[in-house]
Protein backbone atom coordinates (compact mmCIF):
# COMPACT_ATOMS: atom_id res chain seq x y z
CA UNK A 1 -13.96 38.79 18.06
CA UNK A 2 -11.66 38.29 20.95
CA UNK A 3 -11.04 34.90 22.35
CA UNK A 4 -9.48 33.72 25.70
CA UNK A 5 -6.34 31.58 25.42
CA UNK A 6 -8.46 28.63 26.42
CA UNK A 7 -10.95 29.18 23.63
CA UNK A 8 -8.21 29.63 21.16
CA UNK A 9 -6.73 26.25 22.28
CA UNK A 10 -10.05 24.55 21.88
CA UNK A 11 -10.53 26.03 18.42
CA UNK A 12 -6.97 25.01 17.44
CA UNK A 13 -7.71 21.36 18.73
CA UNK A 14 -10.96 21.20 16.70
CA UNK A 15 -9.28 22.57 13.58
CA UNK A 16 -6.41 20.00 13.92
CA UNK A 17 -9.00 17.31 14.07
CA UNK A 18 -10.15 18.48 10.54
CA UNK A 19 -6.54 18.35 9.22
CA UNK A 20 -6.77 14.66 8.13
CA UNK A 21 -8.32 13.77 4.74
CA UNK A 22 -9.79 10.65 6.09
CA UNK A 23 -11.72 12.52 8.80
CA UNK A 24 -13.06 15.02 6.24
CA UNK A 25 -14.25 12.10 4.17
CA UNK A 26 -16.01 10.61 7.12
CA UNK A 27 -17.62 13.90 8.14
CA UNK A 28 -18.69 14.53 4.47
CA UNK A 29 -20.27 11.04 4.30
CA UNK A 30 -22.05 11.72 7.64
CA UNK A 31 -23.54 14.84 6.22
CA UNK A 32 -25.64 12.58 3.98
CA UNK A 33 -26.92 10.13 6.63
CA UNK A 34 -25.89 8.34 9.78
CA UNK A 35 -23.66 5.15 9.18
CA UNK A 36 -22.03 2.27 10.93
CA UNK A 37 -18.33 1.63 10.94
CA UNK A 38 -18.95 -1.22 8.40
CA UNK A 39 -20.76 1.17 6.08
CA UNK A 40 -18.03 3.81 6.25
CA UNK A 41 -15.43 1.23 5.82
CA UNK A 42 -17.01 -0.05 2.50
CA UNK A 43 -17.95 3.25 1.10
CA UNK A 44 -14.81 5.22 1.91
CA UNK A 45 -12.47 2.22 1.18
CA UNK A 46 -10.58 2.65 4.51
CA UNK A 47 -9.77 -0.05 7.01
CA UNK A 48 -12.10 -0.80 9.92
CA UNK A 49 -9.23 0.18 12.29
CA UNK A 50 -8.63 3.52 10.65
CA UNK A 51 -12.32 4.41 10.51
CA UNK A 52 -12.70 3.36 14.28
CA UNK A 53 -9.69 5.48 15.21
CA UNK A 54 -10.85 8.56 13.27
CA UNK A 55 -14.29 8.28 14.80
CA UNK A 56 -12.79 8.10 18.26
CA UNK A 57 -11.03 11.45 17.64
CA UNK A 58 -14.13 12.92 16.00
CA UNK A 59 -16.19 11.91 19.06
CA UNK A 60 -13.52 13.35 21.40
CA UNK A 61 -13.73 16.72 19.57
CA UNK A 62 -17.56 16.60 19.75
CA UNK A 63 -17.78 16.53 16.00
CA UNK A 64 -19.47 13.09 15.73
CA UNK A 65 -21.61 11.02 17.95
CA UNK A 66 -22.58 7.36 18.17
CA UNK A 67 -25.64 5.64 19.34
CA UNK A 68 -26.08 1.83 19.76
CA UNK A 69 -28.70 0.32 17.74
CA UNK A 70 -28.83 -3.45 18.40
CA UNK A 71 -25.31 -4.83 17.83
CA UNK A 72 -24.11 -1.75 15.80
CA UNK A 73 -23.16 1.73 16.74
CA UNK A 74 -24.49 4.30 14.20
CA UNK A 75 -22.54 7.50 13.92
CA UNK A 76 -23.80 10.85 12.93
CA UNK A 77 -22.62 14.55 13.14
CA UNK A 78 -22.80 15.81 16.60
CA UNK A 79 -25.25 18.66 15.87
CA UNK A 80 -26.37 21.22 13.57
CA UNK A 81 -23.44 23.45 14.32
CA UNK A 82 -21.07 20.80 13.12
CA UNK A 83 -23.22 20.20 10.02
CA UNK A 84 -23.07 23.89 9.20
CA UNK A 85 -19.29 24.07 9.84
CA UNK A 86 -18.55 20.98 7.55
CA UNK A 87 -20.78 22.39 4.88
CA UNK A 88 -19.08 25.91 5.09
CA UNK A 89 -15.66 24.32 4.88
CA UNK A 90 -16.56 22.27 1.90
CA UNK A 91 -18.29 25.16 0.22
CA UNK A 92 -15.18 27.58 1.00
CA UNK A 93 -12.75 24.92 -0.53
CA UNK A 94 -14.85 24.31 -3.69
CA UNK A 95 -15.09 28.00 -4.31
CA UNK A 96 -11.42 28.93 -3.57
């Protein structure tokens, strides 16, 4: 498969977004179900600031999306493509 330089840059940016363990933990948790920052903070034992910053990056990379529900923003994986990618990365790592 041939890529344009622009496509290669986009892929590299997305892959760099996955290069942080905390972001992988967040994405893996979002595989299970949508969650708020408070839920992610409690479950992953990360600070609220760290979770919010990682979610900002994941949203920028179109890997996660948030929707307001009352006073909370509930985060989920962006779409089925992201879900499949995260599942494949986890599967590859577990079988390596």
